[in-house]
């Protein structure tokens, strides 16, 4: 289980932009296409909002 929760600011362990966690949950779904322990993150790229689900194991608190 991860310590990452909704509202926290995170970053990929490999670097990149700071992102805000908007949701944490199981994203494996019916076809197993996402992480079971995932975090939906949002950030801005050139004033445009971006959103993606990451496995919490690749994230760290920023």
PDB file of N, CA and C in Angstrom:
ATOM      1  N   UNK A   1       0.855  -1.198   0.000  1.00  0.00           N
ATOM      2  CA  UNK A   1       0.000   0.000   0.000  1.00  0.00           C
ATOM      3  C   UNK A   1       0.882   1.236   0.000  1.00  0.00           C
ATOM      4  N   UNK A   2       0.410   2.248  -0.691  1.00  0.00           N
ATOM      5  CA  UNK A   2       1.191   3.465  -0.839  1.00  0.00           C
ATOM      6  C   UNK A   2       0.738   4.540   0.143  1.00  0.00           C
ATOM      7  N   UNK A   3       1.649   5.458   0.436  1.00  0.00           N
ATOM      8  CA  UNK A   3       1.316   6.608   1.273  1.00  0.00           C
ATOM      9  C   UNK A   3       0.795   7.769   0.431  1.00  0.00           C
ATOM     10  N   UNK A   4       0.730   7.595  -0.873  1.00  0.00           N
ATOM     11  CA  UNK A   4       0.271   8.659  -1.760  1.00  0.00           C
ATOM     12  C   UNK A   4      -1.250   8.745  -1.694  1.00  0.00           C
ATOM     13  N   UNK A   5      -1.751   9.975  -1.462  1.00  0.00           N
ATOM     14  CA  UNK A   5      -3.185  10.190  -1.338  1.00  0.00           C
ATOM     15  C   UNK A   5      -3.621  11.376  -2.188  1.00  0.00           C
ATOM     16  N   UNK A   6      -4.923  11.474  -2.391  1.00  0.00           N
ATOM     17  CA  UNK A   6      -5.524  12.557  -3.163  1.00  0.00           C
ATOM     18  C   UNK A   6      -5.099  13.912  -2.592  1.00  0.00           C
ATOM     19  N   UNK A   7      -4.726  14.836  -3.483  1.00  0.00           N
ATOM     20  CA  UNK A   7      -4.347  16.177  -3.080  1.00  0.00           C
ATOM     21  C   UNK A   7      -2.858  16.388  -2.893  1.00  0.00           C
ATOM     22  N   UNK A   8      -2.085  15.314  -2.834  1.00  0.00           N
ATOM     23  CA  UNK A   8      -0.642  15.465  -2.648  1.00  0.00           C
ATOM     24  C   UNK A   8       0.039  15.855  -3.963  1.00  0.00           C
ATOM     25  N   UNK A   9       1.182  16.496  -3.840  1.00  0.00           N
ATOM     26  CA  UNK A   9       1.998  16.854  -4.997  1.00  0.00           C
ATOM     27  C   UNK A   9       3.089  15.793  -5.121  1.00  0.00           C
ATOM     28  N   UNK A  10       3.170  15.200  -6.308  1.00  0.00           N
ATOM     29  CA  UNK A  10       4.106  14.108  -6.549  1.00  0.00           C
ATOM     30  C   UNK A  10       4.929  14.383  -7.794  1.00  0.00           C
ATOM     31  N   UNK A  11       5.916  13.529  -7.990  1.00  0.00           N
ATOM     32  CA  UNK A  11       6.786  13.620  -9.159  1.00  0.00           C
ATOM     33  C   UNK A  11       7.216  12.200  -9.489  1.00  0.00           C
ATOM     34  N   UNK A  12       7.499  11.936 -10.758  1.00  0.00           N
ATOM     35  CA  UNK A  12       8.051  10.646 -11.114  1.00  0.00           C
ATOM     36  C   UNK A  12       9.415  10.483 -10.455  1.00  0.00           C
ATOM     37  N   UNK A  13       9.742   9.284 -10.027  1.00  0.00           N
ATOM     38  CA  UNK A  13      11.047   9.041  -9.410  1.00  0.00           C
ATOM     39  C   UNK A  13      12.175   9.381 -10.378  1.00  0.00           C
ATOM     40  N   UNK A  14      11.895   9.295 -11.667  1.00  0.00           N
ATOM     41  CA  UNK A  14      12.912   9.607 -12.671  1.00  0.00           C
ATOM     42  C   UNK A  14      12.968  11.090 -13.014  1.00  0.00           C
ATOM     43  N   UNK A  15      12.088  11.890 -12.392  1.00  0.00           N
ATOM     44  CA  UNK A  15      12.077  13.334 -12.642  1.00  0.00           C
ATOM     45  C   UNK A  15      10.827  13.755 -13.395  1.00  0.00           C
ATOM     46  N   UNK A  16      10.825  14.973 -13.872  1.00  0.00           N
ATOM     47  CA  UNK A  16       9.674  15.485 -14.604  1.00  0.00           C
ATOM     48  C   UNK A  16       8.933  16.546 -13.809  1.00  0.00           C
ATOM     49  N   UNK A  17       7.767  16.953 -14.313  1.00  0.00           N
ATOM     50  CA  UNK A  17       7.026  18.035 -13.660  1.00  0.00           C
ATOM     51  C   UNK A  17       6.385  17.587 -12.350  1.00  0.00           C
ATOM     52  N   UNK A  18       6.119  18.542 -11.482  1.00  0.00           N
ATOM     53  CA  UNK A  18       5.361  18.264 -10.273  1.00  0.00           C
ATOM     54  C   UNK A  18       3.905  18.103 -10.685  1.00  0.00           C
ATOM     55  N   UNK A  19       3.230  17.117 -10.091  1.00  0.00           N
ATOM     56  CA  UNK A  19       1.862  16.790 -10.455  1.00  0.00           C
ATOM     57  C   UNK A  19       1.009  16.689  -9.195  1.00  0.00           C
ATOM     58  N   UNK A  20      -0.286  16.987  -9.330  1.00  0.00           N
ATOM     59  CA  UNK A  20      -1.214  16.871  -8.218  1.00  0.00           C
ATOM     60  C   UNK A  20      -2.043  15.604  -8.389  1.00  0.00           C
ATOM     61  N   UNK A  21      -2.143  14.815  -7.331  1.00  0.00           N
ATOM     62  CA  UNK A  21      -2.933  13.584  -7.357  1.00  0.00           C
ATOM     63  C   UNK A  21      -4.407  13.958  -7.196  1.00  0.00           C
ATOM     64  N   UNK A  22      -5.235  13.540  -8.159  1.00  0.00           N
ATOM     65  CA  UNK A  22      -6.663  13.837  -8.088  1.00  0.00           C
ATOM     66  C   UNK A  22      -7.488  12.626  -7.673  1.00  0.00           C
ATOM     67  N   UNK A  23      -6.904  11.436  -7.778  1.00  0.00           N
ATOM     68  CA  UNK A  23      -7.636  10.218  -7.453  1.00  0.00           C
ATOM     69  C   UNK A  23      -6.639   9.074  -7.281  1.00  0.00           C
ATOM     70  N   UNK A  24      -6.923   8.180  -6.344  1.00  0.00           N
ATOM     71  CA  UNK A  24      -6.095   6.989  -6.142  1.00  0.00           C
ATOM     72  C   UNK A  24      -7.023   5.788  -6.162  1.00  0.00           C
ATOM     73  N   UNK A  25      -6.635   4.729  -6.876  1.00  0.00           N
ATOM     74  CA  UNK A  25      -7.499   3.555  -6.914  1.00  0.00           C
ATOM     75  C   UNK A  25      -6.981   2.476  -7.824  1.00  0.00           C
ATOM     76  N   UNK A  26      -7.863   1.501  -8.093  1.00  0.00           N
ATOM     77  CA  UNK A  26      -7.548   0.369  -8.950  1.00  0.00           C
ATOM     78  C   UNK A  26      -7.962   0.714 -10.377  1.00  0.00           C
ATOM     79  N   UNK A  27      -6.995   0.803 -11.267  1.00  0.00           N
ATOM     80  CA  UNK A  27      -7.260   1.161 -12.654  1.00  0.00           C
ATOM     81  C   UNK A  27      -7.058  -0.023 -13.599  1.00  0.00           C
ATOM     82  N   UNK A  28      -6.963  -1.232 -13.043  1.00  0.00           N
ATOM     83  CA  UNK A  28      -6.758  -2.415 -13.874  1.00  0.00           C
ATOM     84  C   UNK A  28      -7.969  -2.659 -14.769  1.00  0.00           C
ATOM     85  N   UNK A  29      -9.148  -2.427 -14.255  1.00  0.00           N
ATOM     86  CA  UNK A  29     -10.365  -2.556 -15.055  1.00  0.00           C
ATOM     87  C   UNK A  29     -10.592  -3.951 -15.578  1.00  0.00           C
ATOM     88  N   UNK A  30     -11.560  -4.054 -16.443  1.00  0.00           N
ATOM     89  CA  UNK A  30     -11.979  -5.337 -17.007  1.00  0.00           C
ATOM     90  C   UNK A  30     -10.884  -5.999 -17.832  1.00  0.00           C
ATOM     91  N   UNK A  31     -10.066  -5.198 -18.502  1.00  0.00           N
ATOM     92  CA  UNK A  31      -9.051  -5.748 -19.405  1.00  0.00           C
ATOM     93  C   UNK A  31      -7.640  -5.700 -18.834  1.00  0.00           C
ATOM     94  N   UNK A  32      -7.481  -5.236 -17.596  1.00  0.00           N
ATOM     95  CA  UNK A  32      -6.167  -5.202 -16.970  1.00  0.00           C
ATOM     96  C   UNK A  32      -5.199  -4.253 -17.641  1.00  0.00           C
ATOM     97  N   UNK A  33      -5.695  -3.152 -18.164  1.00  0.00           N
ATOM     98  CA  UNK A  33      -4.860  -2.242 -18.946  1.00  0.00           C
ATOM     99  C   UNK A  33      -4.184  -1.151 -18.114  1.00  0.00           C
ATOM    100  N   UNK A  34      -4.509  -1.025 -16.839  1.00  0.00           N
ATOM    101  CA  UNK A  34      -3.903   0.011 -16.011  1.00  0.00           C
ATOM    102  C   UNK A  34      -3.350  -0.589 -14.731  1.00  0.00           C
ATOM    103  N   UNK A  35      -2.726   0.225 -13.895  1.00  0.00           N
ATOM    104  CA  UNK A  35      -2.170  -0.292 -12.647  1.00  0.00           C
ATOM    105  C   UNK A  35      -3.268  -0.577 -11.612  1.00  0.00           C
ATOM    106  N   UNK A  36      -3.077  -1.635 -10.837  1.00  0.00           N
ATOM    107  CA  UNK A  36      -4.021  -1.953  -9.765  1.00  0.00           C
ATOM    108  C   UNK A  36      -3.970  -0.904  -8.668  1.00  0.00           C
ATOM    109  N   UNK A  37      -2.784  -0.375  -8.404  1.00  0.00           N
ATOM    110  CA  UNK A  37      -2.595   0.641  -7.378  1.00  0.00           C
ATOM    111  C   UNK A  37      -2.105   1.904  -8.088  1.00  0.00           C
ATOM    112  N   UNK A  38      -3.051   2.652  -8.655  1.00  0.00           N
ATOM    113  CA  UNK A  38      -2.686   3.788  -9.480  1.00  0.00           C
ATOM    114  C   UNK A  38      -3.084   5.117  -8.882  1.00  0.00           C
ATOM    115  N   UNK A  39      -2.457   6.161  -9.395  1.00  0.00           N
ATOM    116  CA  UNK A  39      -2.767   7.528  -8.992  1.00  0.00           C
ATOM    117  C   UNK A  39      -3.000   8.350 -10.249  1.00  0.00           C
ATOM    118  N   UNK A  40      -4.177   8.957 -10.347  1.00  0.00           N
ATOM    119  CA  UNK A  40      -4.459   9.855 -11.466  1.00  0.00           C
ATOM    120  C   UNK A  40      -3.859  11.205 -11.111  1.00  0.00           C
ATOM    121  N   UNK A  41      -3.001  11.708 -11.986  1.00  0.00           N
ATOM    122  CA  UNK A  41      -2.272  12.948 -11.724  1.00  0.00           C
ATOM    123  C   UNK A  41      -2.573  13.979 -12.804  1.00  0.00           C
ATOM    124  N   UNK A  42      -2.570  15.254 -12.400  1.00  0.00           N
ATOM    125  CA  UNK A  42      -2.724  16.356 -13.353  1.00  0.00           C
ATOM    126  C   UNK A  42      -1.558  17.319 -13.191  1.00  0.00           C
ATOM    127  N   UNK A  43      -1.176  17.943 -14.302  1.00  0.00           N
ATOM    128  CA  UNK A  43      -0.111  18.943 -14.311  1.00  0.00           C
ATOM    129  C   UNK A  43      -0.336  19.823 -15.538  1.00  0.00           C
ATOM    130  N   UNK A  44       0.406  20.891 -15.641  1.00  0.00           N
ATOM    131  CA  UNK A  44       0.275  21.809 -16.773  1.00  0.00           C
ATOM    132  C   UNK A  44       1.513  21.742 -17.653  1.00  0.00           C
ATOM    133  N   UNK A  45       1.266  21.682 -18.945  1.00  0.00           N
ATOM    134  CA  UNK A  45       2.318  21.676 -19.957  1.00  0.00           C
ATOM    135  C   UNK A  45       2.024  22.840 -20.892  1.00  0.00           C
ATOM    136  N   UNK A  46       2.816  23.919 -20.810  1.00  0.00           N
ATOM    137  CA  UNK A  46       2.592  25.132 -21.617  1.00  0.00           C
ATOM    138  C   UNK A  46       1.164  25.652 -21.440  1.00  0.00           C
ATOM    139  N   UNK A  47       0.742  25.795 -20.184  1.00  0.00           N
ATOM    140  CA  UNK A  47      -0.578  26.306 -19.802  1.00  0.00           C
ATOM    141  C   UNK A  47      -1.738  25.408 -20.216  1.00  0.00           C
ATOM    142  N   UNK A  48      -1.448  24.184 -20.630  1.00  0.00           N
ATOM    143  CA  UNK A  48      -2.488  23.220 -21.004  1.00  0.00           C
ATOM    144  C   UNK A  48      -2.497  22.095 -19.970  1.00  0.00           C
ATOM    145  N   UNK A  49      -3.662  21.802 -19.383  1.00  0.00           N
ATOM    146  CA  UNK A  49      -3.702  20.724 -18.393  1.00  0.00           C
ATOM    147  C   UNK A  49      -3.509  19.358 -19.044  1.00  0.00           C
ATOM    148  N   UNK A  50      -2.720  18.530 -18.391  1.00  0.00           N
ATOM    149  CA  UNK A  50      -2.469  17.150 -18.820  1.00  0.00           C
ATOM    150  C   UNK A  50      -2.912  16.229 -17.691  1.00  0.00           C
ATOM    151  N   UNK A  51      -3.268  14.998 -18.017  1.00  0.00           N
ATOM    152  CA  UNK A  51      -3.745  14.040 -17.011  1.00  0.00           C
ATOM    153  C   UNK A  51      -3.326  12.640 -17.414  1.00  0.00           C
ATOM    154  N   UNK A  52      -2.872  11.863 -16.430  1.00  0.00           N
ATOM    155  CA  UNK A  52      -2.454  10.484 -16.699  1.00  0.00           C
ATOM    156  C   UNK A  52      -2.483   9.696 -15.398  1.00  0.00           C
ATOM    157  N   UNK A  53      -2.715   8.389 -15.521  1.00  0.00           N
ATOM    158  CA  UNK A  53      -2.669   7.492 -14.371  1.00  0.00           C
ATOM    159  C   UNK A  53      -1.297   6.828 -14.339  1.00  0.00           C
ATOM    160  N   UNK A  54      -0.653   6.877 -13.171  1.00  0.00           N
ATOM    161  CA  UNK A  54       0.647   6.250 -12.971  1.00  0.00           C
ATOM    162  C   UNK A  54       0.543   5.213 -11.866  1.00  0.00           C
ATOM    163  N   UNK A  55       1.337   4.155 -11.949  1.00  0.00           N
ATOM    164  CA  UNK A  55       1.477   3.221 -10.837  1.00  0.00           C
ATOM    165  C   UNK A  55       2.132   3.991  -9.693  1.00  0.00           C
ATOM    166  N   UNK A  56       1.598   3.875  -8.495  1.00  0.00           N
ATOM    167  CA  UNK A  56       2.149   4.647  -7.364  1.00  0.00           C
ATOM    168  C   UNK A  56       3.594   4.278  -7.061  1.00  0.00           C
ATOM    169  N   UNK A  57       4.057   3.126  -7.509  1.00  0.00           N
ATOM    170  CA  UNK A  57       5.437   2.710  -7.250  1.00  0.00           C
ATOM    171  C   UNK A  57       6.453   3.553  -8.012  1.00  0.00           C
ATOM    172  N   UNK A  58       6.029   4.260  -9.062  1.00  0.00           N
ATOM    173  CA  UNK A  58       6.954   5.088  -9.828  1.00  0.00           C
ATOM    174  C   UNK A  58       6.911   6.544  -9.398  1.00  0.00           C
ATOM    175  N   UNK A  59       6.104   6.861  -8.364  1.00  0.00           N
ATOM    176  CA  UNK A  59       5.938   8.233  -7.887  1.00  0.00           C
ATOM    177  C   UNK A  59       6.608   8.452  -6.539  1.00  0.00           C
ATOM    178  N   UNK A  60       6.993   9.688  -6.285  1.00  0.00           N
ATOM    179  CA  UNK A  60       7.536  10.094  -5.001  1.00  0.00           C
ATOM    180  C   UNK A  60       6.905  11.434  -4.621  1.00  0.00           C
ATOM    181  N   UNK A  61       6.812  11.708  -3.332  1.00  0.00           N
ATOM    182  CA  UNK A  61       6.282  12.992  -2.904  1.00  0.00           C
ATOM    183  C   UNK A  61       7.241  14.103  -3.298  1.00  0.00           C
ATOM    184  N   UNK A  62       6.713  15.191  -3.828  1.00  0.00           N
ATOM    185  CA  UNK A  62       7.560  16.303  -4.283  1.00  0.00           C
ATOM    186  C   UNK A  62       7.782  17.292  -3.153  1.00  0.00           C
TER     187      UNK A  62
END
